[in-house]
Amino acid sequence: MLDQSFSFHNFNKIFISENKKGNIDRRYINQAYLQKHKDFKRILDDKKSRQKLHKLSKDEFDDFATQLDQINKEKEIIRLEEFKKLADQVNAKDFHFNVKYHEDNEIFTVDNSDAASFYAIKQLQYNIRKTFKVKQSSRNDIIRQVFNLLSDGFPKVVIRTDIRHFYESIPQDKLFKKIDSNVLLSPHSKKLIRKLFYEFEDKKDKGKINYSIGIPRGIGISAYLSELFMRDIDNRLKDLNDLTYYARYVDDIIMVFTPKTLSSKEDYLVKVREIITDNNLELSEGQDGNESKTKSYNLIENNTLLEPLTFLGYKFFSQEKVSKDKCGNKITSAFIRIELSDSKMSKYKKRLTKSVEAYNNTSKFCEKDARKLLFERLKFLTGNFHLNHNKKSIKSGVYYSNSLLLLNKNNDCIESLKKLNFEMRLAIRQINPPNGIKKGYLIKHIINNFDFEKGFFKKDKYFYSFKLTSSEERYYQLKYGDRRISKFDIIKSIWKDE
């Protein structure tokens, strides 16, 4: 039977799982536990130092093993005692989530200094995922499938759309009807979800989100709740006539229809729109003065994309290929290429520009530190790395974030990467070092050491680790107090308004 309890045993499981991924904030850890962790590391370092000097005897080896085992037991005792306190807090009648609204990027978070809320949210996510069996689709799988479908040459109609203000438009009454009707989800889980939404209603901007509408964008369980709400809508869309492919990633939808006759005039988009509006949602069709995200591509008579199809950060378009037959006659054919979307390219460009601007502003005070941070930002943009400094954690960077560019047949020549190198060269022309630092030397160093194409095609060579030095840790601890700061936070601090 599924254990949905908000107990110290389950919180311990969450800790072990999240700690392996590097997702546990130091503020959630008892100081006594941290001290034991330091003791463990000190003994381990001592063992390694001695092993370099001589081969350890059996007695020495056993002594180290005993010490380390004892510390691990003491760590677990401390951890479990702490989790018992947290479990008591979560199970208390007066427990509530301290929800915060961040107006700059319009997201909600649960107070990240509150360990009880952190573990309660994680357990809620687990309970919802297991009882409703909800999960997000794989972004990469969808892109591969779309590329193959566009490349197969068969007549089709493709609809690419997006749900407008998705999280902010979900009707809570319909969502709670689904939640309350699930007999598998524990009553305590349902109660905590209600408490979370009570805080959300209290903190949200009523001028932007109506009463009893929306779910809190940015809070962990919202992704699962949105998937739950969309389940019936997905099924209705999948039942449409002539549909041969359907995929949705959060609020982005792509559908492929294969008409039974080439002369079919059926307007599939009208039917899609009806299903969406029946559920109190609407498609993004330029209502906010922006370009419409809803487009229909008719590939029935001509299987060539007359305009690019942008989806999930990539841009698909048709490109002509000229070859010759056995008689030497020219043959023109079209094939699908995939590049980075315009918005993703623009994001890279802005980050490059802001990195140079930050250097120009701070190099007046300490050029050495400003230059070091500029280089780290360029490594972040052009290279690859582990998130959270954990070898088992997710890899990210120019290759891992854009790896599906390799779907191209001629993948050794990717236009997006060439353009990004060009944009970097444009950006660094604006570099303005203080007196005594040669601008030409600095530009040459950047061009020789940072390259989007090399970072993509030679991902292992251009793989970096971003860690604060001990002096940086002391500096930021004095500056921010208890708030935990990582090198990623420092690197990305100038891009917060994206």
Protein backbone atom coordinates (compact mmCIF):
# COMPACT_ATOMS: atom_id res chain seq x y z
CA MET A 1 0.00 0.00 0.00
CA LEU A 2 1.24 3.49 -0.89
CA ASP A 3 2.55 5.37 2.15
CA GLN A 4 1.32 8.96 1.71
CA SER A 5 2.01 10.03 5.29
CA PHE A 6 3.92 13.21 6.10
CA SER A 7 6.16 11.24 8.44
CA PHE A 8 9.81 11.43 9.42
CA HIS A 9 10.42 8.15 7.53
CA ASN A 10 9.14 9.67 4.28
CA PHE A 11 10.99 12.94 4.88
CA ASN A 12 14.17 10.90 5.32
CA LYS A 13 13.54 9.20 1.96
CA ILE A 14 13.03 12.60 0.36
CA PHE A 15 16.28 13.85 1.88
CA ILE A 16 18.29 10.89 0.57
CA SER A 17 16.77 11.18 -2.91
CA GLU A 18 17.11 14.96 -3.22
CA ASN A 19 20.56 15.06 -1.63
CA LYS A 20 21.88 12.70 -4.32
CA LYS A 21 20.69 15.23 -6.90
CA GLY A 22 22.28 18.10 -5.00
CA ASN A 23 18.88 19.69 -4.32
CA ILE A 24 19.04 20.07 -0.55
CA ASP A 25 19.62 23.62 0.63
CA ARG A 26 22.04 23.92 3.54
CA ARG A 27 19.39 25.90 5.44
CA TYR A 28 17.26 22.75 5.62
CA ILE A 29 20.02 20.86 7.46
CA ASN A 30 20.60 20.86 11.21
CA GLN A 31 23.91 22.51 12.26
CA ALA A 32 24.85 19.45 14.32
CA TYR A 33 24.37 17.33 11.20
CA LEU A 34 26.58 19.67 9.17
CA GLN A 35 29.30 19.41 11.82
CA LYS A 36 29.16 15.60 11.67
CA HIS A 37 29.41 15.86 7.88
CA LYS A 38 32.57 17.97 8.28
CA ASP A 39 33.97 15.40 10.73
CA PHE A 40 33.28 12.64 8.19
CA LYS A 41 35.06 14.59 5.44
CA ARG A 42 38.03 15.35 7.74
CA ILE A 43 38.52 11.66 8.58
CA LEU A 44 38.13 10.68 4.93
CA ASP A 45 40.74 13.27 3.89
CA ASP A 46 43.06 11.97 6.61
CA LYS A 47 42.64 8.44 5.26
CA LYS A 48 43.45 9.56 1.71
CA SER A 49 46.52 11.49 2.90
CA ARG A 50 47.91 8.48 4.73
CA GLN A 51 47.25 6.23 1.73
CA LYS A 52 49.50 8.49 -0.34
CA LEU A 53 52.33 7.99 2.16
CA HIS A 54 52.03 4.25 2.69
CA LYS A 55 49.75 1.29 2.24
CA LEU A 56 47.33 1.13 5.14
CA SER A 57 47.56 -1.85 7.46
CA LYS A 58 44.42 -3.89 8.16
CA ASP A 59 44.16 -2.34 11.63
CA GLU A 60 44.44 1.20 10.22
CA PHE A 61 41.90 0.45 7.50
CA ASP A 62 39.46 -1.08 10.01
CA ASP A 63 39.92 1.88 12.37
CA PHE A 64 38.99 4.37 9.63
CA ALA A 65 36.00 2.24 8.63
CA THR A 66 34.79 2.12 12.25
CA GLN A 67 35.12 5.90 12.68
CA LEU A 68 33.28 6.63 9.43
CA ASP A 69 30.54 4.12 10.19
CA GLN A 70 30.03 5.63 13.65
CA ILE A 71 29.71 9.15 12.22
CA ASN A 72 27.19 7.93 9.65
CA LYS A 73 25.08 6.42 12.44
CA GLU A 74 25.27 9.65 14.44
CA LYS A 75 24.30 11.66 11.34
CA GLU A 76 21.24 9.48 10.82
CA ILE A 77 20.14 9.87 14.45
CA ILE A 78 20.42 13.67 14.18
CA ARG A 79 18.63 13.66 10.84
CA LEU A 80 15.72 11.52 12.03
CA GLU A 81 15.27 13.62 15.19
CA GLU A 82 15.08 16.72 13.01
CA PHE A 83 12.58 15.08 10.65
CA LYS A 84 10.37 14.09 13.60
CA LYS A 85 10.14 17.79 14.53
CA LEU A 86 9.35 18.75 10.93
CA ALA A 87 6.71 16.01 10.64
CA ASP A 88 5.06 17.29 13.83
CA GLN A 89 4.95 20.79 12.32
CA VAL A 90 3.39 19.61 9.04
CA ASN A 91 0.80 17.45 10.82
CA ALA A 92 -0.21 20.22 13.25
CA LYS A 93 -3.65 21.80 12.71
CA ASP A 94 -2.19 25.31 12.42
CA PHE A 95 0.41 24.39 9.76
CA HIS A 96 0.30 26.55 6.65
CA PHE A 97 2.51 27.28 3.65
CA ASN A 98 4.20 30.67 3.56
CA VAL A 99 3.59 31.52 -0.10
CA LYS A 100 5.44 34.46 -1.64
CA TYR A 101 4.61 36.29 -4.87
CA HIS A 102 7.52 37.57 -6.98
CA GLU A 103 6.13 40.40 -9.07
CA ASP A 104 9.25 40.78 -11.25
CA ASN A 105 8.76 37.39 -12.95
CA GLU A 106 5.17 36.70 -11.79
CA ILE A 107 5.89 33.41 -10.03
CA PHE A 108 4.99 32.07 -6.60
CA THR A 109 7.32 30.24 -4.25
CA VAL A 110 7.03 28.65 -0.85
CA ASP A 111 9.36 30.37 1.64
CA ASN A 112 12.68 28.64 0.97
CA SER A 113 13.84 29.15 4.54
CA ASP A 114 11.03 26.88 5.77
CA ALA A 115 12.25 23.26 5.85
CA ALA A 116 8.83 21.90 6.90
CA SER A 117 7.18 23.40 3.80
CA PHE A 118 9.95 22.07 1.56
CA TYR A 119 9.40 18.46 2.69
CA ALA A 120 5.61 18.84 2.74
CA ILE A 121 5.60 20.03 -0.89
CA LYS A 122 7.92 17.20 -1.96
CA GLN A 123 5.68 14.60 -0.27
CA LEU A 124 2.60 16.18 -1.86
CA GLN A 125 4.23 15.96 -5.29
CA TYR A 126 4.95 12.28 -4.69
CA ASN A 127 1.39 11.57 -3.51
CA ILE A 128 -0.22 13.36 -6.47
CA ARG A 129 2.11 11.76 -9.00
CA LYS A 130 1.53 8.25 -7.67
CA THR A 131 -2.23 8.40 -7.07
CA PHE A 132 -3.13 10.23 -10.28
CA LYS A 133 -0.29 8.69 -12.32
CA VAL A 134 0.53 12.04 -13.92
CA LYS A 135 3.81 12.96 -15.55
CA GLN A 136 5.03 15.45 -18.12
CA SER A 137 5.88 14.35 -21.63
CA SER A 138 9.52 14.24 -22.67
CA ARG A 139 10.46 17.46 -24.45
CA ASN A 140 13.23 15.76 -26.44
CA ASP A 141 11.01 12.85 -27.50
CA ILE A 142 8.40 15.28 -28.83
CA ILE A 143 10.96 17.24 -30.86
CA ARG A 144 12.36 14.02 -32.39
CA GLN A 145 8.87 12.83 -33.31
CA VAL A 146 7.90 16.18 -34.85
CA PHE A 147 11.10 16.25 -36.90
CA ASN A 148 10.44 12.73 -38.23
CA LEU A 149 6.79 13.52 -39.04
CA LEU A 150 7.71 16.68 -40.93
CA SER A 151 10.37 14.74 -42.83
CA ASP A 152 8.27 11.73 -43.89
CA GLY A 153 6.82 13.34 -47.04
CA PHE A 154 3.20 12.31 -46.40
CA PRO A 155 0.33 14.82 -46.91
CA LYS A 156 -0.79 16.32 -43.62
CA VAL A 157 -2.11 19.34 -41.76
CA VAL A 158 -0.05 20.46 -38.76
CA ILE A 159 -1.47 22.68 -36.03
CA ARG A 160 0.88 24.29 -33.55
CA THR A 161 -0.75 26.21 -30.70
CA ASP A 162 -0.38 27.41 -27.14
CA ILE A 163 -2.84 27.90 -24.28
CA ARG A 164 -2.97 31.57 -23.29
CA HIS A 165 -2.05 32.34 -19.66
CA PHE A 166 -2.27 28.61 -18.94
CA TYR A 167 -1.52 28.40 -15.20
CA GLU A 168 -3.42 31.62 -14.52
CA SER A 169 -6.57 30.43 -16.35
CA ILE A 170 -7.23 26.98 -14.86
CA PRO A 171 -10.63 27.03 -13.08
CA GLN A 172 -10.12 25.83 -9.53
CA ASP A 173 -13.63 24.38 -9.15
CA LYS A 174 -13.04 21.90 -11.98
CA LEU A 175 -9.57 21.08 -10.67
CA PHE A 176 -10.78 20.40 -7.12
CA LYS A 177 -13.60 18.26 -8.45
CA LYS A 178 -10.95 15.98 -9.95
CA ILE A 179 -8.87 16.05 -6.77
CA ASP A 180 -11.78 15.36 -4.40
CA SER A 181 -13.13 12.51 -6.54
CA ASN A 182 -9.87 10.58 -6.28
CA VAL A 183 -10.37 8.13 -3.41
CA LEU A 184 -6.71 7.07 -3.55
CA LEU A 185 -5.30 10.46 -2.56
CA SER A 186 -5.11 10.75 1.23
CA PRO A 187 -7.43 13.21 3.05
CA HIS A 188 -4.40 14.96 4.56
CA SER A 189 -2.93 15.52 1.09
CA LYS A 190 -6.22 17.05 -0.09
CA LYS A 191 -6.29 19.25 3.01
CA LEU A 192 -2.75 20.53 2.39
CA ILE A 193 -3.54 21.29 -1.26
CA ARG A 194 -6.50 23.39 -0.06
CA LYS A 195 -4.25 25.20 2.42
CA LEU A 196 -1.76 25.96 -0.32
CA PHE A 197 -4.48 27.41 -2.56
CA TYR A 198 -5.82 29.49 0.33
CA GLU A 199 -2.39 31.14 0.60
CA PHE A 200 -2.22 31.50 -3.20
CA GLU A 201 -5.60 33.29 -3.26
CA ASP A 202 -4.43 35.60 -0.50
CA LYS A 203 -1.14 36.56 -2.21
CA LYS A 204 -2.03 36.68 -5.93
CA ASP A 205 -2.66 39.91 -7.84
CA LYS A 206 -6.46 40.03 -8.17
CA GLY A 207 -6.09 42.53 -11.00
CA LYS A 208 -4.35 39.86 -13.10
CA ILE A 209 -5.90 36.62 -11.85
CA ASN A 210 -9.59 36.41 -10.95
CA TYR A 211 -10.83 34.87 -7.70
CA SER A 212 -10.89 31.04 -7.70
CA ILE A 213 -9.01 30.96 -11.00
CA GLY A 214 -5.46 29.77 -11.61
CA ILE A 215 -2.79 27.68 -9.96
CA PRO A 216 0.48 29.02 -8.47
CA ARG A 217 3.12 29.16 -11.21
CA GLY A 218 6.51 28.25 -9.75
CA ILE A 219 5.43 25.88 -6.94
CA GLY A 220 6.36 22.22 -7.43
CA ILE A 221 2.93 20.61 -7.30
CA SER A 222 1.46 22.98 -9.91
CA ALA A 223 3.07 21.09 -12.79
CA TYR A 224 1.31 17.90 -11.63
CA LEU A 225 -2.01 19.67 -11.04
CA SER A 226 -1.93 21.23 -14.51
CA GLU A 227 -1.31 17.80 -16.05
CA LEU A 228 -4.24 16.44 -14.04
CA PHE A 229 -6.53 19.22 -15.26
CA MET A 230 -5.50 18.73 -18.90
CA ARG A 231 -6.03 14.96 -18.91
CA ASP A 232 -9.66 15.05 -20.13
CA ILE A 233 -8.88 17.84 -22.61
CA ASP A 234 -6.00 15.80 -24.03
CA ASN A 235 -8.32 12.83 -24.49
CA ARG A 236 -10.95 14.92 -26.30
CA LEU A 237 -8.33 16.38 -28.63
CA LYS A 238 -6.92 12.91 -29.32
CA ASP A 239 -10.40 11.75 -30.39
CA LEU A 240 -10.65 14.27 -33.24
CA ASN A 241 -11.14 12.82 -36.73
CA ASP A 242 -8.03 12.25 -38.86
CA LEU A 243 -5.64 12.91 -35.96
CA THR A 244 -2.45 10.86 -36.35
CA TYR A 245 -0.20 12.58 -33.80
CA TYR A 246 -0.78 14.64 -30.65
CA ALA A 247 1.72 16.02 -28.16
CA ARG A 248 1.57 18.61 -25.42
CA TYR A 249 4.37 19.98 -23.28
CA VAL A 250 2.84 22.10 -20.48
CA ASP A 251 0.86 24.65 -22.54
CA ASP A 252 2.45 24.05 -25.97
CA ILE A 253 0.46 21.76 -28.27
CA ILE A 254 1.22 20.25 -31.66
CA MET A 255 -1.20 18.11 -33.69
CA VAL A 256 -0.85 16.31 -37.01
CA PHE A 257 -3.94 15.46 -39.07
CA THR A 258 -3.93 13.16 -42.10
CA PRO A 259 -7.11 13.77 -44.16
CA LYS A 260 -8.70 10.74 -45.80
CA THR A 261 -8.85 12.62 -49.13
CA LEU A 262 -6.49 15.21 -50.56
CA SER A 263 -9.46 17.46 -51.34
CA SER A 264 -10.60 17.61 -47.71
CA LYS A 265 -11.49 21.14 -46.57
CA GLU A 266 -12.07 20.30 -42.92
CA ASP A 267 -11.05 23.11 -40.57
CA TYR A 268 -9.35 21.25 -37.75
CA LEU A 269 -8.38 24.42 -35.91
CA VAL A 270 -12.04 25.34 -35.33
CA LYS A 271 -12.61 22.01 -33.55
CA VAL A 272 -9.45 22.40 -31.46
CA ARG A 273 -10.54 25.89 -30.42
CA GLU A 274 -14.01 24.63 -29.42
CA ILE A 275 -12.57 21.98 -27.08
CA ILE A 276 -10.21 24.45 -25.42
CA THR A 277 -12.88 27.13 -24.88
CA ASP A 278 -15.34 24.52 -23.55
CA ASN A 279 -12.92 24.13 -20.64
CA ASN A 280 -12.65 27.85 -19.82
CA LEU A 281 -9.29 28.22 -21.56
CA GLU A 282 -8.31 29.95 -24.79
CA LEU A 283 -5.64 29.62 -27.45
CA SER A 284 -2.89 32.23 -27.83
CA GLU A 285 -3.94 34.01 -31.00
CA GLY A 286 -2.35 37.43 -30.64
CA GLN A 287 -4.83 38.78 -28.05
CA ASP A 288 -2.05 40.60 -26.15
CA GLY A 289 -0.71 42.39 -29.22
CA ASN A 290 2.00 39.76 -29.64
CA GLU A 291 2.44 37.49 -32.63
CA SER A 292 -0.08 34.64 -32.63
CA LYS A 293 1.30 31.34 -31.35
CA THR A 294 -1.47 29.45 -33.13
CA LYS A 295 -0.72 28.43 -36.72
CA SER A 296 -2.01 25.85 -39.17
CA TYR A 297 0.36 24.40 -41.79
CA ASN A 298 -1.25 22.82 -44.84
CA LEU A 299 1.16 20.20 -46.21
CA ILE A 300 -1.40 18.27 -48.25
CA GLU A 301 -0.57 19.32 -51.81
CA ASN A 302 2.95 20.56 -51.16
CA ASN A 303 4.91 18.90 -48.36
CA THR A 304 7.13 21.97 -47.95
CA LEU A 305 6.94 24.31 -44.98
CA LEU A 306 6.31 27.73 -46.53
CA GLU A 307 7.16 29.38 -43.21
CA PRO A 308 9.13 28.11 -40.20
CA LEU A 309 7.37 26.08 -37.51
CA THR A 310 8.59 27.08 -34.05
CA PHE A 311 8.07 24.67 -31.16
CA LEU A 312 9.71 24.11 -27.76
CA GLY A 313 12.77 26.24 -28.45
CA TYR A 314 13.48 24.91 -31.94
CA LYS A 315 12.62 26.13 -35.43
CA PHE A 316 11.76 23.69 -38.23
CA PHE A 317 11.92 24.80 -41.86
CA SER A 318 12.22 23.36 -45.35
CA GLN A 319 15.47 23.70 -47.25
CA GLU A 320 16.04 22.92 -50.90
CA LYS A 321 18.61 20.41 -52.04
CA VAL A 322 19.83 20.33 -55.64
CA SER A 323 21.27 17.07 -57.01
CA LYS A 324 21.64 15.36 -60.37
CA ASP A 325 20.16 12.16 -61.75
CA LYS A 326 22.04 9.54 -63.79
CA CYS A 327 21.55 11.60 -66.93
CA GLY A 328 22.97 14.73 -65.36
CA ASN A 329 19.62 16.48 -65.00
CA LYS A 330 19.14 18.71 -61.98
CA ILE A 331 16.73 17.43 -59.33
CA THR A 332 15.40 19.78 -56.68
CA SER A 333 14.08 18.31 -53.44
CA ALA A 334 13.27 19.67 -50.00
CA PHE A 335 14.31 18.41 -46.59
CA ILE A 336 13.62 19.57 -43.05
CA ARG A 337 16.25 21.42 -41.06
CA ILE A 338 16.11 22.24 -37.37
CA GLU A 339 17.72 25.28 -35.76
CA LEU A 340 17.27 27.19 -32.51
CA SER A 341 14.13 29.34 -32.31
CA ASP A 342 14.38 33.11 -32.73
CA SER A 343 13.44 33.65 -29.07
CA LYS A 344 16.17 31.27 -27.87
CA MET A 345 18.73 32.99 -30.10
CA SER A 346 17.62 36.36 -28.74
CA LYS A 347 18.04 35.09 -25.17
CA TYR A 348 21.65 34.06 -25.87
CA LYS A 349 22.32 37.42 -27.54
CA LYS A 350 20.96 39.38 -24.55
CA ARG A 351 23.02 37.31 -22.13
CA LEU A 352 26.19 37.99 -24.13
CA THR A 353 25.47 41.72 -24.21
CA LYS A 354 24.68 41.88 -20.49
CA SER A 355 27.84 39.93 -19.65
CA VAL A 356 29.99 42.51 -21.43
CA GLU A 357 28.04 45.39 -19.89
CA ALA A 358 28.53 43.91 -16.41
CA TYR A 359 32.28 43.68 -17.03
CA ASN A 360 32.42 47.31 -18.22
CA ASN A 361 30.57 48.47 -15.09
CA THR A 362 32.54 46.48 -12.50
CA SER A 363 36.04 46.47 -14.03
CA LYS A 364 36.46 50.10 -12.90
CA PHE A 365 36.68 48.86 -9.30
CA CYS A 366 38.46 45.49 -9.63
CA GLU A 367 39.35 44.48 -13.18
CA LYS A 368 40.73 41.08 -12.17
CA ASP A 369 37.49 39.97 -10.48
CA ALA A 370 35.35 41.46 -13.26
CA ARG A 371 37.36 39.63 -15.93
CA LYS A 372 37.15 36.34 -14.02
CA LEU A 373 33.37 36.63 -13.78
CA LEU A 374 33.08 37.57 -17.47
CA PHE A 375 35.04 34.44 -18.43
CA GLU A 376 32.85 32.30 -16.15
CA ARG A 377 29.72 33.69 -17.80
CA LEU A 378 31.16 32.92 -21.24
CA LYS A 379 31.99 29.38 -20.08
CA PHE A 380 28.40 29.04 -18.87
CA LEU A 381 27.05 30.16 -22.26
CA THR A 382 29.48 28.36 -24.58
CA GLY A 383 30.31 25.26 -22.51
CA ASN A 384 28.67 22.48 -20.51
CA PHE A 385 28.39 21.60 -16.83
CA HIS A 386 26.67 19.58 -14.11
CA LEU A 387 23.87 21.31 -12.25
CA ASN A 388 24.33 21.37 -8.45
CA HIS A 389 27.95 20.11 -8.62
CA ASN A 390 26.75 16.53 -8.43
CA LYS A 391 28.08 14.01 -10.96
CA LYS A 392 24.72 12.23 -10.94
CA SER A 393 22.79 15.46 -11.48
CA ILE A 394 21.45 16.76 -14.77
CA LYS A 395 23.93 17.98 -17.34
CA SER A 396 23.30 21.33 -18.96
CA GLY A 397 24.97 23.79 -21.29
CA VAL A 398 25.21 24.58 -24.98
CA TYR A 399 25.20 20.91 -26.03
CA TYR A 400 22.84 19.37 -23.47
CA SER A 401 20.26 22.17 -23.84
CA ASN A 402 20.34 22.08 -27.65
CA SER A 403 21.40 18.51 -28.50
CA LEU A 404 18.55 17.93 -30.97
CA LEU A 405 20.31 20.15 -33.48
CA LEU A 406 22.10 16.88 -34.31
CA LEU A 407 18.91 15.68 -36.02
CA ASN A 408 20.12 17.60 -39.06
CA LYS A 409 21.62 15.39 -41.76
CA ASN A 410 24.52 17.78 -42.23
CA ASN A 411 25.00 18.33 -38.53
CA ASP A 412 28.60 19.49 -38.73
CA CYS A 413 27.35 22.84 -40.05
CA ILE A 414 24.68 24.23 -37.73
CA GLU A 415 23.72 27.78 -38.60
CA SER A 416 22.49 28.68 -35.10
CA LEU A 417 25.90 28.00 -33.55
CA LYS A 418 27.70 30.00 -36.25
CA LYS A 419 25.34 32.93 -35.65
CA LEU A 420 25.94 32.74 -31.89
CA ASN A 421 29.70 32.95 -32.44
CA PHE A 422 29.08 35.98 -34.66
CA GLU A 423 26.90 37.57 -31.95
CA MET A 424 29.62 36.94 -29.36
CA ARG A 425 32.18 38.70 -31.54
CA LEU A 426 29.81 41.65 -31.95
CA ALA A 427 29.21 41.81 -28.19
CA ILE A 428 32.88 41.78 -27.19
CA ARG A 429 33.62 44.68 -29.54
CA GLN A 430 31.86 46.79 -26.91
CA ILE A 431 34.22 45.66 -24.16
CA ASN A 432 35.84 48.64 -22.44
CA PRO A 433 38.63 47.66 -20.04
CA PRO A 434 40.25 50.23 -17.74
CA ASN A 435 43.64 51.79 -18.45
CA GLY A 436 46.47 49.29 -18.42
CA ILE A 437 44.46 46.43 -19.92
CA LYS A 438 44.78 46.00 -23.67
CA LYS A 439 41.37 45.70 -25.32
CA GLY A 440 42.76 43.82 -28.33
CA TYR A 441 44.47 41.23 -26.12
CA LEU A 442 41.27 40.68 -24.12
CA ILE A 443 39.16 40.23 -27.28
CA LYS A 444 41.71 37.83 -28.77
CA HIS A 445 41.74 35.75 -25.58
CA ILE A 446 37.93 35.48 -25.62
CA ILE A 447 37.81 34.47 -29.30
CA ASN A 448 40.51 31.82 -28.76
CA ASN A 449 38.94 30.30 -25.65
CA PHE A 450 35.17 30.58 -26.00
CA ASP A 451 33.28 29.12 -28.95
CA PHE A 452 29.68 27.90 -29.26
CA GLU A 453 30.51 25.38 -32.00
CA LYS A 454 33.42 23.86 -30.08
CA GLY A 455 31.36 23.70 -26.89
CA PHE A 456 28.63 21.86 -28.78
CA PHE A 457 30.67 19.41 -30.86
CA LYS A 458 33.41 18.83 -28.24
CA LYS A 459 31.17 18.74 -25.19
CA ASP A 460 33.53 16.70 -23.01
CA LYS A 461 36.52 18.97 -23.63
CA TYR A 462 34.49 22.08 -22.86
CA PHE A 463 32.92 20.77 -19.65
CA TYR A 464 33.30 23.07 -16.65
CA SER A 465 32.79 23.06 -12.91
CA PHE A 466 31.39 26.18 -11.27
CA LYS A 467 32.25 26.41 -7.58
CA LEU A 468 32.84 29.29 -5.22
CA THR A 469 36.34 29.56 -3.80
CA SER A 470 36.65 29.62 0.00
CA SER A 471 37.29 33.40 -0.10
CA GLU A 472 34.21 33.89 -2.32
CA GLU A 473 32.12 31.81 0.11
CA ARG A 474 33.23 34.00 3.01
CA TYR A 475 32.52 37.18 1.04
CA TYR A 476 29.00 36.16 0.00
CA GLN A 477 28.22 34.79 3.45
CA LEU A 478 29.01 38.21 4.90
CA LYS A 479 27.02 39.92 2.15
CA TYR A 480 23.91 37.71 2.22
CA GLY A 481 24.01 36.20 5.71
CA ASP A 482 22.31 32.79 5.99
CA ARG A 483 21.15 32.84 2.39
CA ARG A 484 22.91 30.12 0.44
CA ILE A 485 24.64 31.44 -2.69
CA SER A 486 26.13 29.29 -5.44
CA LYS A 487 28.38 30.21 -8.34
CA PHE A 488 25.35 29.72 -10.61
CA ASP A 489 23.49 32.41 -8.64
CA ILE A 490 26.36 34.86 -9.16
CA ILE A 491 26.74 34.06 -12.86
CA LYS A 492 23.01 34.37 -13.58
CA SER A 493 22.33 37.38 -11.33
CA ILE A 494 22.53 39.87 -14.24
CA TRP A 495 19.98 37.89 -16.29
CA LYS A 496 17.17 37.83 -13.71
CA ASP A 497 14.82 40.09 -15.66
CA GLU A 498 14.59 37.73 -18.66
